[in-house]
Amino acid sequence: MTVHKESSPPASDRINLADQANLDNWCKRLNVTEMQLRDAVAEVGDQAGDVEMHLKGTRSSTNDDKVERTS
């Protein structure tokens, strides 16, 4: 009797830069380029939540920009 060990699916909360399909999916989900995603993972690690927060922080406008728009 042969037992086939099934590989578990990749953790959905991690970004796997070695898997092009996973990388493409995260680029699309986070609306970033591959280079932006790779840079973010290098900065904060492969946890998707950490990467998302990091990317949001780098794209947010400054408070001065917000004040200027309301004036």
PDB file of N, CA and C in Angstrom:
ATOM      1  N   MET A   1       0.849  -1.184   0.000  1.00  0.00           N
ATOM      2  CA  MET A   1       0.000   0.000   0.000  1.00  0.00           C
ATOM      3  C   MET A   1       0.885   1.235   0.000  1.00  0.00           C
ATOM      4  N   THR A   2       0.636   2.138  -0.965  1.00  0.00           N
ATOM      5  CA  THR A   2       1.406   3.361  -1.074  1.00  0.00           C
ATOM      6  C   THR A   2       0.606   4.521  -0.510  1.00  0.00           C
ATOM      7  N   VAL A   3       1.254   5.284   0.344  1.00  0.00           N
ATOM      8  CA  VAL A   3       0.605   6.450   0.929  1.00  0.00           C
ATOM      9  C   VAL A   3       1.197   7.678   0.267  1.00  0.00           C
ATOM     10  N   HIS A   4       0.332   8.475  -0.313  1.00  0.00           N
ATOM     11  CA  HIS A   4       0.779   9.714  -0.949  1.00  0.00           C
ATOM     12  C   HIS A   4       0.624  10.855   0.039  1.00  0.00           C
ATOM     13  N   LYS A   5       1.707  11.506   0.277  1.00  0.00           N
ATOM     14  CA  LYS A   5       1.648  12.659   1.160  1.00  0.00           C
ATOM     15  C   LYS A   5       1.293  13.880   0.317  1.00  0.00           C
ATOM     16  N   GLU A   6       0.166  14.483   0.635  1.00  0.00           N
ATOM     17  CA  GLU A   6      -0.247  15.677  -0.088  1.00  0.00           C
ATOM     18  C   GLU A   6       0.440  16.882   0.538  1.00  0.00           C
ATOM     19  N   SER A   7       0.910  17.757  -0.319  1.00  0.00           N
ATOM     20  CA  SER A   7       1.507  18.969   0.225  1.00  0.00           C
ATOM     21  C   SER A   7       0.388  19.899   0.639  1.00  0.00           C
ATOM     22  N   SER A   8       0.624  20.596   1.712  1.00  0.00           N
ATOM     23  CA  SER A   8      -0.398  21.520   2.176  1.00  0.00           C
ATOM     24  C   SER A   8      -0.354  22.780   1.335  1.00  0.00           C
ATOM     25  N   PRO A   9      -1.481  23.427   1.168  1.00  0.00           N
ATOM     26  CA  PRO A   9      -1.495  24.654   0.381  1.00  0.00           C
ATOM     27  C   PRO A   9      -0.677  25.739   1.082  1.00  0.00           C
ATOM     28  N   PRO A  10      -0.135  26.660   0.322  1.00  0.00           N
ATOM     29  CA  PRO A  10       0.652  27.707   0.963  1.00  0.00           C
ATOM     30  C   PRO A  10      -0.226  28.532   1.892  1.00  0.00           C
ATOM     31  N   ALA A  11       0.363  28.989   2.958  1.00  0.00           N
ATOM     32  CA  ALA A  11      -0.375  29.816   3.906  1.00  0.00           C
ATOM     33  C   ALA A  11      -0.840  31.087   3.208  1.00  0.00           C
ATOM     34  N   SER A  12      -2.103  31.391   3.307  1.00  0.00           N
ATOM     35  CA  SER A  12      -2.648  32.536   2.582  1.00  0.00           C
ATOM     36  C   SER A  12      -2.211  33.864   3.178  1.00  0.00           C
ATOM     37  N   ASP A  13      -1.622  33.837   4.349  1.00  0.00           N
ATOM     38  CA  ASP A  13      -1.197  35.086   4.958  1.00  0.00           C
ATOM     39  C   ASP A  13       0.300  35.348   4.762  1.00  0.00           C
ATOM     40  N   ARG A  14       0.931  34.559   3.909  1.00  0.00           N
ATOM     41  CA  ARG A  14       2.362  34.745   3.613  1.00  0.00           C
ATOM     42  C   ARG A  14       2.552  34.983   2.123  1.00  0.00           C
ATOM     43  N   ILE A  15       3.542  35.790   1.815  1.00  0.00           N
ATOM     44  CA  ILE A  15       3.869  36.088   0.426  1.00  0.00           C
ATOM     45  C   ILE A  15       5.108  35.291   0.064  1.00  0.00           C
ATOM     46  N   ASN A  16       4.981  34.442  -0.945  1.00  0.00           N
ATOM     47  CA  ASN A  16       6.076  33.584  -1.381  1.00  0.00           C
ATOM     48  C   ASN A  16       6.687  34.177  -2.650  1.00  0.00           C
ATOM     49  N   LEU A  17       7.816  34.856  -2.505  1.00  0.00           N
ATOM     50  CA  LEU A  17       8.454  35.505  -3.644  1.00  0.00           C
ATOM     51  C   LEU A  17       9.063  34.510  -4.622  1.00  0.00           C
ATOM     52  N   ALA A  18       9.231  33.261  -4.210  1.00  0.00           N
ATOM     53  CA  ALA A  18       9.807  32.241  -5.084  1.00  0.00           C
ATOM     54  C   ALA A  18       8.762  31.622  -6.011  1.00  0.00           C
ATOM     55  N   ASP A  19       7.493  31.890  -5.763  1.00  0.00           N
ATOM     56  CA  ASP A  19       6.389  31.341  -6.549  1.00  0.00           C
ATOM     57  C   ASP A  19       5.775  32.469  -7.375  1.00  0.00           C
ATOM     58  N   GLN A  20       6.004  32.448  -8.687  1.00  0.00           N
ATOM     59  CA  GLN A  20       5.564  33.558  -9.542  1.00  0.00           C
ATOM     60  C   GLN A  20       4.054  33.755  -9.500  1.00  0.00           C
ATOM     61  N   ALA A  21       3.280  32.685  -9.446  1.00  0.00           N
ATOM     62  CA  ALA A  21       1.825  32.816  -9.386  1.00  0.00           C
ATOM     63  C   ALA A  21       1.408  33.506  -8.086  1.00  0.00           C
ATOM     64  N   ASN A  22       2.037  33.125  -6.985  1.00  0.00           N
ATOM     65  CA  ASN A  22       1.746  33.744  -5.693  1.00  0.00           C
ATOM     66  C   ASN A  22       2.142  35.215  -5.718  1.00  0.00           C
ATOM     67  N   LEU A  23       3.292  35.485  -6.274  1.00  0.00           N
ATOM     68  CA  LEU A  23       3.789  36.858  -6.389  1.00  0.00           C
ATOM     69  C   LEU A  23       2.833  37.709  -7.229  1.00  0.00           C
ATOM     70  N   ASP A  24       2.421  37.187  -8.377  1.00  0.00           N
ATOM     71  CA  ASP A  24       1.489  37.912  -9.249  1.00  0.00           C
ATOM     72  C   ASP A  24       0.167  38.192  -8.531  1.00  0.00           C
ATOM     73  N   ASN A  25      -0.313  37.191  -7.795  1.00  0.00           N
ATOM     74  CA  ASN A  25      -1.564  37.338  -7.062  1.00  0.00           C
ATOM     75  C   ASN A  25      -1.468  38.462  -6.030  1.00  0.00           C
ATOM     76  N   TRP A  26      -0.383  38.475  -5.257  1.00  0.00           N
ATOM     77  CA  TRP A  26      -0.224  39.511  -4.239  1.00  0.00           C
ATOM     78  C   TRP A  26      -0.025  40.888  -4.856  1.00  0.00           C
ATOM     79  N   CYS A  27       0.680  40.973  -5.984  1.00  0.00           N
ATOM     80  CA  CYS A  27       0.840  42.263  -6.670  1.00  0.00           C
ATOM     81  C   CYS A  27      -0.528  42.816  -7.067  1.00  0.00           C
ATOM     82  N   LYS A  28      -1.363  41.944  -7.588  1.00  0.00           N
ATOM     83  CA  LYS A  28      -2.702  42.355  -8.007  1.00  0.00           C
ATOM     84  C   LYS A  28      -3.552  42.741  -6.797  1.00  0.00           C
ATOM     85  N   ARG A  29      -3.522  41.915  -5.769  1.00  0.00           N
ATOM     86  CA  ARG A  29      -4.327  42.180  -4.568  1.00  0.00           C
ATOM     87  C   ARG A  29      -3.948  43.484  -3.897  1.00  0.00           C
ATOM     88  N   LEU A  30      -2.641  43.768  -3.877  1.00  0.00           N
ATOM     89  CA  LEU A  30      -2.164  44.967  -3.179  1.00  0.00           C
ATOM     90  C   LEU A  30      -1.964  46.162  -4.110  1.00  0.00           C
ATOM     91  N   ASN A  31      -2.218  45.943  -5.409  1.00  0.00           N
ATOM     92  CA  ASN A  31      -2.097  47.003  -6.405  1.00  0.00           C
ATOM     93  C   ASN A  31      -0.700  47.640  -6.395  1.00  0.00           C
ATOM     94  N   VAL A  32       0.310  46.780  -6.483  1.00  0.00           N
ATOM     95  CA  VAL A  32       1.703  47.235  -6.494  1.00  0.00           C
ATOM     96  C   VAL A  32       2.469  46.500  -7.587  1.00  0.00           C
ATOM     97  N   THR A  33       3.640  47.032  -7.911  1.00  0.00           N
ATOM     98  CA  THR A  33       4.506  46.348  -8.863  1.00  0.00           C
ATOM     99  C   THR A  33       5.253  45.231  -8.146  1.00  0.00           C
ATOM    100  N   GLU A  34       5.849  44.362  -8.933  1.00  0.00           N
ATOM    101  CA  GLU A  34       6.638  43.277  -8.345  1.00  0.00           C
ATOM    102  C   GLU A  34       7.794  43.840  -7.526  1.00  0.00           C
ATOM    103  N   MET A  35       8.443  44.885  -8.030  1.00  0.00           N
ATOM    104  CA  MET A  35       9.571  45.473  -7.303  1.00  0.00           C
ATOM    105  C   MET A  35       9.108  46.086  -5.977  1.00  0.00           C
ATOM    106  N   GLN A  36       7.972  46.754  -5.971  1.00  0.00           N
ATOM    107  CA  GLN A  36       7.446  47.327  -4.728  1.00  0.00           C
ATOM    108  C   GLN A  36       7.157  46.226  -3.717  1.00  0.00           C
ATOM    109  N   LEU A  37       6.586  45.126  -4.194  1.00  0.00           N
ATOM    110  CA  LEU A  37       6.270  44.014  -3.300  1.00  0.00           C
ATOM    111  C   LEU A  37       7.549  43.389  -2.752  1.00  0.00           C
ATOM    112  N   ARG A  38       8.519  43.162  -3.615  1.00  0.00           N
ATOM    113  CA  ARG A  38       9.791  42.584  -3.167  1.00  0.00           C
ATOM    114  C   ARG A  38      10.479  43.489  -2.147  1.00  0.00           C
ATOM    115  N   ASP A  39      10.469  44.794  -2.401  1.00  0.00           N
ATOM    116  CA  ASP A  39      11.076  45.745  -1.463  1.00  0.00           C
ATOM    117  C   ASP A  39      10.367  45.723  -0.115  1.00  0.00           C
ATOM    118  N   ALA A  40       9.041  45.666  -0.156  1.00  0.00           N
ATOM    119  CA  ALA A  40       8.271  45.643   1.088  1.00  0.00           C
ATOM    120  C   ALA A  40       8.548  44.372   1.886  1.00  0.00           C
ATOM    121  N   VAL A  41       8.617  43.235   1.202  1.00  0.00           N
ATOM    122  CA  VAL A  41       8.921  41.977   1.888  1.00  0.00           C
ATOM    123  C   VAL A  41      10.331  42.031   2.488  1.00  0.00           C
ATOM    124  N   ALA A  42      11.258  42.646   1.785  1.00  0.00           N
ATOM    125  CA  ALA A  42      12.619  42.789   2.306  1.00  0.00           C
ATOM    126  C   ALA A  42      12.627  43.657   3.565  1.00  0.00           C
ATOM    127  N   GLU A  43      11.738  44.629   3.620  1.00  0.00           N
ATOM    128  CA  GLU A  43      11.665  45.543   4.770  1.00  0.00           C
ATOM    129  C   GLU A  43      10.992  44.918   5.989  1.00  0.00           C
ATOM    130  N   VAL A  44       9.843  44.249   5.764  1.00  0.00           N
ATOM    131  CA  VAL A  44       9.031  43.824   6.910  1.00  0.00           C
ATOM    132  C   VAL A  44       8.789  42.326   7.010  1.00  0.00           C
ATOM    133  N   GLY A  45       9.270  41.538   6.056  1.00  0.00           N
ATOM    134  CA  GLY A  45       9.049  40.097   6.101  1.00  0.00           C
ATOM    135  C   GLY A  45       7.889  39.691   5.204  1.00  0.00           C
ATOM    136  N   ASP A  46       7.553  38.396   5.222  1.00  0.00           N
ATOM    137  CA  ASP A  46       6.581  37.868   4.272  1.00  0.00           C
ATOM    138  C   ASP A  46       5.143  37.772   4.786  1.00  0.00           C
ATOM    139  N   GLN A  47       4.877  38.284   5.968  1.00  0.00           N
ATOM    140  CA  GLN A  47       3.498  38.295   6.473  1.00  0.00           C
ATOM    141  C   GLN A  47       2.690  39.318   5.687  1.00  0.00           C
ATOM    142  N   ALA A  48       1.636  38.865   5.026  1.00  0.00           N
ATOM    143  CA  ALA A  48       0.856  39.729   4.143  1.00  0.00           C
ATOM    144  C   ALA A  48       0.321  40.969   4.861  1.00  0.00           C
ATOM    145  N   GLY A  49      -0.135  40.815   6.075  1.00  0.00           N
ATOM    146  CA  GLY A  49      -0.667  41.960   6.824  1.00  0.00           C
ATOM    147  C   GLY A  49       0.394  43.015   7.071  1.00  0.00           C
ATOM    148  N   ASP A  50       1.590  42.575   7.424  1.00  0.00           N
ATOM    149  CA  ASP A  50       2.689  43.516   7.656  1.00  0.00           C
ATOM    150  C   ASP A  50       3.074  44.231   6.365  1.00  0.00           C
ATOM    151  N   VAL A  51       3.115  43.472   5.278  1.00  0.00           N
ATOM    152  CA  VAL A  51       3.464  44.047   3.976  1.00  0.00           C
ATOM    153  C   VAL A  51       2.404  45.064   3.566  1.00  0.00           C
ATOM    154  N   GLU A  52       1.138  44.716   3.742  1.00  0.00           N
ATOM    155  CA  GLU A  52       0.058  45.621   3.366  1.00  0.00           C
ATOM    156  C   GLU A  52       0.140  46.930   4.163  1.00  0.00           C
ATOM    157  N   MET A  53       0.358  46.832   5.456  1.00  0.00           N
ATOM    158  CA  MET A  53       0.460  48.033   6.287  1.00  0.00           C
ATOM    159  C   MET A  53       1.667  48.880   5.874  1.00  0.00           C
ATOM    160  N   HIS A  54       2.767  48.224   5.588  1.00  0.00           N
ATOM    161  CA  HIS A  54       3.968  48.929   5.150  1.00  0.00           C
ATOM    162  C   HIS A  54       3.698  49.669   3.838  1.00  0.00           C
ATOM    163  N   LEU A  55       3.062  48.987   2.899  1.00  0.00           N
ATOM    164  CA  LEU A  55       2.765  49.610   1.615  1.00  0.00           C
ATOM    165  C   LEU A  55       1.777  50.764   1.762  1.00  0.00           C
ATOM    166  N   LYS A  56       0.794  50.612   2.600  1.00  0.00           N
ATOM    167  CA  LYS A  56      -0.171  51.695   2.827  1.00  0.00           C
ATOM    168  C   LYS A  56       0.534  52.903   3.421  1.00  0.00           C
ATOM    169  N   GLY A  57       1.470  52.662   4.302  1.00  0.00           N
ATOM    170  CA  GLY A  57       2.223  53.758   4.922  1.00  0.00           C
ATOM    171  C   GLY A  57       3.082  54.500   3.923  1.00  0.00           C
ATOM    172  N   THR A  58       3.634  53.783   2.949  1.00  0.00           N
ATOM    173  CA  THR A  58       4.500  54.436   1.974  1.00  0.00           C
ATOM    174  C   THR A  58       3.707  55.184   0.925  1.00  0.00           C
ATOM    175  N   ARG A  59       2.406  54.882   0.801  1.00  0.00           N
ATOM    176  CA  ARG A  59       1.583  55.546  -0.214  1.00  0.00           C
ATOM    177  C   ARG A  59       0.673  56.604   0.381  1.00  0.00           C
ATOM    178  N   SER A  60       0.642  56.735   1.696  1.00  0.00           N
ATOM    179  CA  SER A  60      -0.277  57.705   2.291  1.00  0.00           C
ATOM    180  C   SER A  60       0.240  59.122   2.086  1.00  0.00           C
ATOM    181  N   SER A  61      -0.674  60.043   2.030  1.00  0.00           N
ATOM    182  CA  SER A  61      -0.272  61.437   1.865  1.00  0.00           C
ATOM    183  C   SER A  61       0.091  62.016   3.222  1.00  0.00           C
ATOM    184  N   THR A  62       0.807  63.103   3.195  1.00  0.00           N
ATOM    185  CA  THR A  62       1.194  63.749   4.441  1.00  0.00           C
ATOM    186  C   THR A  62       0.028  64.545   4.987  1.00  0.00           C
ATOM    187  N   ASN A  63       0.067  64.892   6.231  1.00  0.00           N
ATOM    188  CA  ASN A  63      -0.983  65.688   6.842  1.00  0.00           C
ATOM    189  C   ASN A  63      -1.082  67.049   6.159  1.00  0.00           C
ATOM    190  N   ASP A  64       0.051  67.627   5.758  1.00  0.00           N
ATOM    191  CA  ASP A  64       0.030  68.916   5.058  1.00  0.00           C
ATOM    192  C   ASP A  64      -0.783  68.821   3.777  1.00  0.00           C
ATOM    193  N   ASP A  65      -0.652  67.706   3.042  1.00  0.00           N
ATOM    194  CA  ASP A  65      -1.433  67.524   1.820  1.00  0.00           C
ATOM    195  C   ASP A  65      -2.919  67.500   2.124  1.00  0.00           C
ATOM    196  N   LYS A  66      -3.312  66.844   3.200  1.00  0.00           N
ATOM    197  CA  LYS A  66      -4.714  66.754   3.571  1.00  0.00           C
ATOM    198  C   LYS A  66      -5.262  68.114   3.956  1.00  0.00           C
ATOM    199  N   VAL A  67      -4.501  68.891   4.727  1.00  0.00           N
ATOM    200  CA  VAL A  67      -4.929  70.215   5.159  1.00  0.00           C
ATOM    201  C   VAL A  67      -5.070  71.125   3.942  1.00  0.00           C
ATOM    202  N   GLU A  68      -4.129  71.038   3.014  1.00  0.00           N
ATOM    203  CA  GLU A  68      -4.151  71.873   1.824  1.00  0.00           C
ATOM    204  C   GLU A  68      -5.407  71.614   0.985  1.00  0.00           C
ATOM    205  N   ARG A  69      -5.825  70.349   0.876  1.00  0.00           N
ATOM    206  CA  ARG A  69      -6.992  69.998   0.079  1.00  0.00           C
ATOM    207  C   ARG A  69      -8.288  70.521   0.694  1.00  0.00           C
ATOM    208  N   THR A  70      -8.340  70.650   2.017  1.00  0.00           N
ATOM    209  CA  THR A  70      -9.563  71.104   2.682  1.00  0.00           C
ATOM    210  C   THR A  70      -9.654  72.613   2.736  1.00  0.00           C
ATOM    211  N   SER A  71      -8.592  73.318   2.446  1.00  0.00           N
ATOM    212  CA  SER A  71      -8.591  74.795   2.504  1.00  0.00           C
ATOM    213  C   SER A  71      -9.259  75.392   1.298  1.00  0.00           C
TER     214      SER A  71
END
